[in-house]
N, C-alpha and C. Protein backbone atom coordinates (compact mmCIF):
# COMPACT_ATOMS: atom_id res chain seq x y z
N UNK A 1 -48.43 -9.48 47.21
CA UNK A 1 -47.28 -9.02 46.07
C UNK A 1 -46.55 -10.56 45.83
N UNK A 2 -46.61 -10.86 45.07
CA UNK A 2 -45.45 -11.85 44.09
C UNK A 2 -44.00 -10.91 43.90
N UNK A 3 -43.24 -11.66 44.27
CA UNK A 3 -41.94 -11.08 43.91
C UNK A 3 -41.38 -11.78 42.67
N UNK A 4 -40.96 -11.55 41.96
CA UNK A 4 -40.46 -12.36 40.75
C UNK A 4 -39.23 -12.50 41.15
N UNK A 5 -38.53 -13.90 40.77
CA UNK A 5 -36.98 -13.59 40.81
C UNK A 5 -36.42 -14.34 39.29
N UNK A 6 -37.10 -14.40 38.39
CA UNK A 6 -36.72 -14.97 37.70
C UNK A 6 -37.20 -14.22 36.29
N UNK A 7 -36.85 -14.35 35.21
CA UNK A 7 -36.73 -13.80 33.79
C UNK A 7 -37.47 -14.91 32.71
N UNK A 8 -38.13 -14.76 31.90
CA UNK A 8 -38.76 -15.94 30.97
C UNK A 8 -39.85 -15.53 30.07
N UNK A 9 -39.54 -16.53 29.27
CA UNK A 9 -40.89 -16.67 28.14
C UNK A 9 -41.51 -17.45 28.55
N UNK A 10 -43.00 -17.85 28.69
CA UNK A 10 -43.64 -19.01 29.19
C UNK A 10 -44.76 -18.64 27.58
N UNK A 11 -44.99 -19.81 26.88
CA UNK A 11 -45.91 -19.90 26.49
C UNK A 11 -46.38 -18.31 25.76
N UNK A 12 -45.43 -17.61 24.90
CA UNK A 12 -44.85 -16.76 24.20
C UNK A 12 -45.22 -15.40 25.30
N UNK A 13 -45.38 -15.35 26.49
CA UNK A 13 -45.48 -14.23 27.30
C UNK A 13 -43.93 -13.93 27.76
N UNK A 14 -44.04 -12.84 28.04
CA UNK A 14 -42.92 -12.51 28.90
C UNK A 14 -42.83 -12.01 30.42
N UNK A 15 -42.08 -13.10 31.09
CA UNK A 15 -42.73 -12.82 32.51
C UNK A 15 -41.64 -11.55 33.43
N UNK A 16 -41.79 -11.32 34.10
CA UNK A 16 -41.02 -10.20 35.34
C UNK A 16 -39.91 -10.54 35.30
N UNK A 17 -38.98 -9.65 35.80
CA UNK A 17 -37.07 -9.99 35.87
C UNK A 17 -37.59 -9.91 37.22
N UNK A 18 -35.72 -10.33 37.85
CA UNK A 18 -35.04 -9.93 39.01
C UNK A 18 -35.46 -8.92 39.78
N UNK A 19 -36.09 -8.75 41.04
CA UNK A 19 -36.54 -7.45 41.51
C UNK A 19 -37.61 -7.16 41.66
N UNK A 20 -38.37 -7.71 40.44
CA UNK A 20 -39.59 -6.63 39.86
C UNK A 20 -40.75 -7.47 41.28
N UNK A 21 -41.24 -6.32 41.56
CA UNK A 21 -42.84 -7.11 42.34
C UNK A 21 -43.71 -6.96 41.64
N UNK A 22 -44.60 -7.68 41.51
CA UNK A 22 -46.19 -7.50 40.72
C UNK A 22 -47.37 -8.13 41.41
N UNK A 23 -48.37 -7.42 41.40
CA UNK A 23 -49.46 -8.45 42.45
C UNK A 23 -49.74 -8.85 41.60
N UNK A 24 -50.28 -10.24 41.56
CA UNK A 24 -51.00 -11.68 40.70
C UNK A 24 -51.48 -11.21 39.28
N UNK A 25 -52.48 -9.72 39.91
CA UNK A 25 -53.70 -9.13 39.23
C UNK A 25 -53.04 -8.73 37.94
N UNK A 26 -51.91 -8.61 37.98
CA UNK A 26 -51.10 -7.64 37.09
C UNK A 26 -50.03 -8.25 36.09
N UNK A 27 -50.35 -9.89 36.68
CA UNK A 27 -49.18 -10.72 35.45
C UNK A 27 -50.25 -11.19 34.39
N UNK A 28 -49.54 -11.91 33.41
CA UNK A 28 -50.50 -12.30 32.32
C UNK A 28 -51.25 -13.44 32.86
N UNK A 29 -52.28 -13.60 32.27
CA UNK A 29 -53.21 -14.71 33.05
C UNK A 29 -52.41 -16.28 33.25
N UNK A 30 -51.72 -16.69 31.90
CA UNK A 30 -51.10 -17.73 32.05
C UNK A 30 -50.00 -18.32 33.03
N UNK A 31 -49.34 -16.84 33.39
CA UNK A 31 -48.28 -17.30 33.91
C UNK A 31 -48.44 -17.24 35.56
N UNK A 32 -49.72 -16.08 35.85
CA UNK A 32 -49.84 -16.18 37.24
C UNK A 32 -50.34 -17.60 37.95
N UNK A 33 -50.87 -18.66 37.38
CA UNK A 33 -51.76 -19.45 38.01
C UNK A 33 -51.14 -20.90 37.86
N UNK A 34 -50.35 -20.79 37.21
CA UNK A 34 -49.40 -22.54 37.06
C UNK A 34 -48.40 -22.17 35.46
N UNK A 35 -46.95 -22.83 35.76
CA UNK A 35 -46.39 -22.59 34.73
C UNK A 35 -45.57 -24.12 34.29
N UNK A 36 -45.77 -24.52 33.25
CA UNK A 36 -44.74 -25.54 32.04
C UNK A 36 -43.63 -24.96 31.52
N UNK A 37 -42.75 -24.98 31.67
CA UNK A 37 -41.32 -24.70 31.61
C UNK A 37 -40.68 -25.66 30.46
N UNK A 38 -41.18 -26.77 30.33
CA UNK A 38 -40.41 -27.35 28.51
C UNK A 38 -41.56 -28.25 28.19
N UNK A 39 -41.59 -27.88 26.69
CA UNK A 39 -42.66 -28.59 25.80
C UNK A 39 -43.00 -30.45 25.95
N UNK A 40 -41.61 -31.14 27.05
CA UNK A 40 -41.52 -32.27 26.87
C UNK A 40 -41.86 -32.29 28.92
N UNK A 41 -42.73 -31.65 29.14
CA UNK A 41 -43.26 -31.58 30.74
C UNK A 41 -44.18 -32.19 30.32
N UNK A 42 -45.30 -33.20 31.23
CA UNK A 42 -46.13 -33.55 31.49
C UNK A 42 -47.08 -33.42 33.10
N UNK A 43 -46.20 -32.35 33.49
CA UNK A 43 -46.47 -31.56 35.16
C UNK A 43 -46.25 -30.31 34.48
N UNK A 44 -47.81 -29.09 34.93
CA UNK A 44 -47.32 -27.95 35.65
C UNK A 44 -46.89 -27.65 37.26
N UNK A 45 -46.76 -26.96 37.62
CA UNK A 45 -46.09 -26.10 38.52
C UNK A 45 -47.16 -24.90 39.11
N UNK A 46 -48.20 -25.19 40.57
CA UNK A 46 -49.16 -23.75 40.42
C UNK A 46 -48.59 -23.03 40.98
N UNK A 47 -48.41 -21.66 40.65
CA UNK A 47 -47.59 -20.41 41.39
C UNK A 47 -48.55 -19.58 42.47
N UNK A 48 -50.09 -20.42 42.56
CA UNK A 48 -50.83 -19.50 43.40
C UNK A 48 -51.70 -21.00 43.48
N UNK A 49 -52.15 -20.74 44.90
CA UNK A 49 -53.03 -22.41 45.26
C UNK A 49 -54.07 -21.97 44.24
N UNK A 50 -54.27 -23.32 43.94
CA UNK A 50 -55.81 -23.61 42.86
C UNK A 50 -56.17 -24.55 43.44
N UNK A 51 -57.77 -24.25 43.26
CA UNK A 51 -58.63 -25.11 43.79
C UNK A 51 -59.44 -26.01 43.04
N UNK A 52 -60.05 -27.06 43.13
CA UNK A 52 -60.74 -28.63 42.81
C UNK A 52 -61.43 -27.82 41.85
N UNK A 53 -61.95 -28.11 40.70
CA UNK A 53 -62.80 -27.40 39.06
C UNK A 53 -62.11 -26.57 38.63
N UNK A 54 -61.34 -25.83 39.27
CA UNK A 54 -60.52 -24.63 38.31
C UNK A 54 -60.39 -24.93 37.22
N UNK A 55 -60.61 -24.58 36.16
CA UNK A 55 -59.95 -24.63 35.10
C UNK A 55 -58.34 -23.78 34.40
N UNK A 56 -57.99 -24.33 34.11
CA UNK A 56 -56.28 -23.72 34.08
C UNK A 56 -55.55 -23.44 32.09
N UNK A 57 -55.75 -22.86 32.06
CA UNK A 57 -55.37 -22.20 30.57
C UNK A 57 -53.60 -22.41 30.56
N UNK A 58 -53.72 -23.35 29.95
CA UNK A 58 -51.85 -23.51 29.13
C UNK A 58 -51.17 -23.47 28.19
N UNK A 59 -50.77 -22.50 27.40
CA UNK A 59 -50.97 -22.48 26.29
C UNK A 59 -51.62 -22.82 25.18
N UNK A 60 -52.77 -22.52 25.18
CA UNK A 60 -53.94 -23.04 24.55
C UNK A 60 -54.32 -24.47 24.89
N UNK A 61 -54.16 -25.19 25.94
CA UNK A 61 -54.48 -26.40 26.45
C UNK A 61 -55.44 -25.99 27.43
N UNK A 62 -56.33 -26.28 28.25
CA UNK A 62 -56.92 -26.13 29.20
C UNK A 62 -57.24 -27.33 30.19
N UNK A 63 -56.72 -27.64 31.49
CA UNK A 63 -56.37 -28.63 32.47
C UNK A 63 -57.79 -28.47 33.26
N UNK A 64 -58.51 -29.09 33.88
CA UNK A 64 -59.50 -28.67 34.95
C UNK A 64 -58.99 -29.79 36.23
N UNK A 65 -58.79 -29.11 37.33
CA UNK A 65 -58.32 -30.06 38.30
C UNK A 65 -59.48 -30.35 39.34
N UNK A 66 -58.76 -31.56 39.31
CA UNK A 66 -59.78 -32.95 40.06
C UNK A 66 -59.90 -32.60 41.30
N UNK A 67 -58.45 -31.48 42.16
CA UNK A 67 -58.46 -31.69 43.36
C UNK A 67 -57.69 -30.58 43.84
N UNK A 68 -57.51 -29.87 45.31
CA UNK A 68 -57.06 -28.43 45.45
C UNK A 68 -55.56 -28.91 44.86
N UNK A 69 -54.70 -27.52 44.85
CA UNK A 69 -53.30 -28.04 44.47
C UNK A 69 -53.24 -26.69 45.18
N UNK A 70 -51.88 -26.97 46.31
CA UNK A 70 -51.01 -26.30 46.66
C UNK A 70 -50.31 -25.52 45.93
N UNK A 71 -49.82 -24.04 46.42
CA UNK A 71 -49.06 -23.17 45.53
C UNK A 71 -47.99 -24.27 45.95
N UNK A 72 -47.13 -24.01 44.62
CA UNK A 72 -45.59 -24.73 44.63
C UNK A 72 -45.83 -26.33 44.45
N UNK A 73 -46.95 -26.97 43.99
CA UNK A 73 -46.98 -28.29 44.04
C UNK A 73 -47.42 -28.25 42.58
N UNK A 74 -47.31 -29.69 42.03
CA UNK A 74 -47.34 -30.09 40.58
C UNK A 74 -48.54 -30.44 40.65
N UNK A 75 -49.09 -30.40 39.61
CA UNK A 75 -50.10 -31.18 38.72
C UNK A 75 -50.29 -31.74 37.15
N UNK A 76 -51.09 -32.99 37.06
CA UNK A 76 -50.80 -33.41 35.77
C UNK A 76 -51.46 -32.55 34.88
N UNK A 77 -50.65 -32.19 33.33
CA UNK A 77 -51.32 -31.63 32.52
C UNK A 77 -51.81 -32.86 31.54
N UNK A 78 -51.42 -34.02 31.32
CA UNK A 78 -52.14 -34.80 30.54
C UNK A 78 -51.91 -36.44 31.24
N UNK A 79 -52.26 -37.40 31.09
CA UNK A 79 -52.35 -38.87 31.78
C UNK A 79 -51.09 -39.49 31.68
N UNK A 80 -50.22 -39.94 33.23
CA UNK A 80 -49.55 -40.26 33.56
C UNK A 80 -49.84 -41.65 33.91
N UNK A 81 -49.51 -42.89 33.37
CA UNK A 81 -49.61 -44.05 33.19
C UNK A 81 -48.52 -44.44 34.46
N UNK A 82 -48.82 -45.79 35.17
CA UNK A 82 -48.43 -46.04 36.68
C UNK A 82 -46.81 -46.46 35.64
N UNK A 83 -45.84 -46.55 36.57
CA UNK A 83 -44.24 -46.76 35.73
C UNK A 83 -44.04 -45.90 34.77
N UNK A 84 -44.46 -44.57 33.94
CA UNK A 84 -44.16 -43.80 33.38
C UNK A 84 -43.40 -42.65 34.34
N UNK A 85 -42.76 -42.18 33.37
CA UNK A 85 -41.58 -40.93 33.87
C UNK A 85 -42.33 -39.77 34.31
N UNK A 86 -41.89 -39.15 35.30
CA UNK A 86 -42.85 -37.80 35.32
C UNK A 86 -41.46 -36.49 35.04
N UNK A 87 -42.17 -35.60 34.24
CA UNK A 87 -41.11 -34.94 33.53
C UNK A 87 -41.40 -33.52 34.19
N UNK A 88 -40.06 -33.01 34.40
CA UNK A 88 -40.55 -31.40 34.84
C UNK A 88 -38.84 -30.55 34.36
N UNK A 89 -38.93 -29.40 33.90
CA UNK A 89 -38.27 -28.88 33.49
C UNK A 89 -37.50 -29.80 32.13
N UNK A 90 -38.33 -30.04 31.12
CA UNK A 90 -37.76 -31.42 30.23
C UNK A 90 -37.21 -32.38 31.04
N UNK A 91 -37.12 -32.41 32.28
CA UNK A 91 -35.98 -33.87 32.43
C UNK A 91 -37.00 -34.65 33.41
N UNK A 92 -36.65 -36.04 33.16
CA UNK A 92 -37.49 -37.00 34.44
C UNK A 92 -36.79 -36.42 36.31
N UNK A 93 -37.91 -36.28 36.63
CA UNK A 93 -38.18 -36.18 38.36
C UNK A 93 -38.70 -37.56 39.17
N UNK A 94 -38.86 -38.07 38.37
CA UNK A 94 -39.28 -39.39 39.44
C UNK A 94 -40.58 -40.42 38.18
N UNK A 95 -40.92 -41.03 39.17
CA UNK A 95 -42.07 -42.11 38.56
C UNK A 95 -43.39 -42.19 39.04
N UNK A 96 -44.47 -42.63 38.07
CA UNK A 96 -45.40 -42.58 38.54
C UNK A 96 -45.80 -43.75 39.32
N UNK A 97 -46.23 -43.74 40.39
CA UNK A 97 -46.41 -44.75 41.45
C UNK A 97 -48.17 -45.66 41.02
N UNK A 98 -48.65 -44.94 40.64
CA UNK A 98 -50.28 -44.69 40.14
C UNK A 98 -50.37 -44.46 38.81
N UNK A 99 -51.57 -44.84 38.13
CA UNK A 99 -52.11 -43.39 37.14
C UNK A 99 -52.36 -42.71 37.69
N UNK A 100 -52.10 -41.30 36.64
CA UNK A 100 -52.07 -39.80 36.90
C UNK A 100 -52.85 -39.47 35.80
N UNK A 101 -54.30 -38.73 36.28
CA UNK A 101 -55.05 -38.27 35.88
C UNK A 101 -54.67 -36.74 35.19
N UNK A 102 -54.81 -36.11 34.35
CA UNK A 102 -55.07 -34.63 34.31
C UNK A 102 -55.75 -34.02 35.35
N UNK A 103 -55.08 -32.94 35.59
CA UNK A 103 -55.59 -32.09 36.98
C UNK A 103 -55.18 -32.94 37.96
N UNK A 104 -54.72 -33.98 37.97
CA UNK A 104 -54.37 -34.56 39.32
C UNK A 104 -53.24 -34.11 40.32
N UNK A 105 -53.28 -33.64 41.38
CA UNK A 105 -51.95 -33.38 41.97
C UNK A 105 -50.84 -34.08 42.05
N UNK A 106 -49.86 -33.71 41.83
CA UNK A 106 -48.67 -35.01 41.47
C UNK A 106 -47.45 -34.98 42.65
N UNK A 107 -47.30 -36.01 43.24
CA UNK A 107 -46.51 -35.34 44.66
C UNK A 107 -46.12 -36.66 45.39
N UNK A 108 -45.51 -36.73 46.80
CA UNK A 108 -44.90 -38.05 47.03
C UNK A 108 -45.73 -39.03 47.50
N UNK A 109 -47.19 -38.87 47.11
CA UNK A 109 -48.15 -39.73 47.15
C UNK A 109 -48.52 -40.79 45.75
N UNK A 110 -48.55 -40.00 44.96
CA UNK A 110 -48.15 -40.91 43.27
C UNK A 110 -46.60 -40.90 42.75
N UNK A 111 -45.73 -40.25 43.26
CA UNK A 111 -44.54 -40.63 42.21
C UNK A 111 -43.36 -40.77 43.21
N UNK A 112 -42.82 -41.62 42.56
CA UNK A 112 -41.52 -42.02 43.00
C UNK A 112 -39.88 -41.01 42.53
N UNK A 113 -39.19 -40.61 43.39
CA UNK A 113 -38.29 -40.05 42.91
C UNK A 113 -37.01 -41.10 42.11
N UNK A 114 -36.44 -40.00 41.21
CA UNK A 114 -35.66 -41.15 40.35
C UNK A 114 -34.06 -40.91 41.27
N UNK A 115 -33.91 -40.04 42.11
CA UNK A 115 -32.83 -40.12 43.00
C UNK A 115 -32.50 -40.91 44.03
N UNK A 116 -31.60 -41.26 43.72
CA UNK A 116 -31.44 -42.51 44.89
C UNK A 116 -30.45 -41.74 46.03
N UNK A 117 -31.43 -42.03 47.26
CA UNK A 117 -30.60 -41.42 48.61
C UNK A 117 -29.69 -42.32 49.23
N UNK A 118 -28.58 -41.52 49.66
CA UNK A 118 -27.64 -42.18 50.33
C UNK A 118 -27.29 -43.48 50.35
N UNK A 119 -28.15 -43.93 51.11
CA UNK A 119 -28.53 -45.22 51.76
C UNK A 119 -28.64 -46.41 50.72
N UNK A 120 -29.01 -45.73 49.39
CA UNK A 120 -29.60 -46.65 48.28
C UNK A 120 -28.11 -47.00 47.58
N UNK A 121 -27.39 -45.74 48.01
CA UNK A 121 -26.19 -45.82 47.06
C UNK A 121 -24.97 -46.60 46.98
N UNK A 122 -24.94 -46.98 48.62
CA UNK A 122 -24.40 -48.31 48.86
C UNK A 122 -24.56 -49.50 48.85
């Protein structure tokens, strides 16, 4: 059972609101597997664990996963070049430290955060 803690419209689909409990099989297909929150995003967030080779439909775009993506982790929805900003929620969250192909896991192994640590600020 997944507890929805947000309300929104993703790719024209209305998603459950606060406090609603829906099993994944009752969620709209595009909302059950991955989420893209802003048209500027170059990553999607897996809402469930996704397997290598799975094809995920995101608003008419289909991304084939090149590796397993754990629930809550990001994957690229278009090519991201080394040094390019990684964008989630319409905002840059880091820079790619290597080229990232569509469907590839986006995490600390290939993205450097753009947030300075306290040590870096001094």
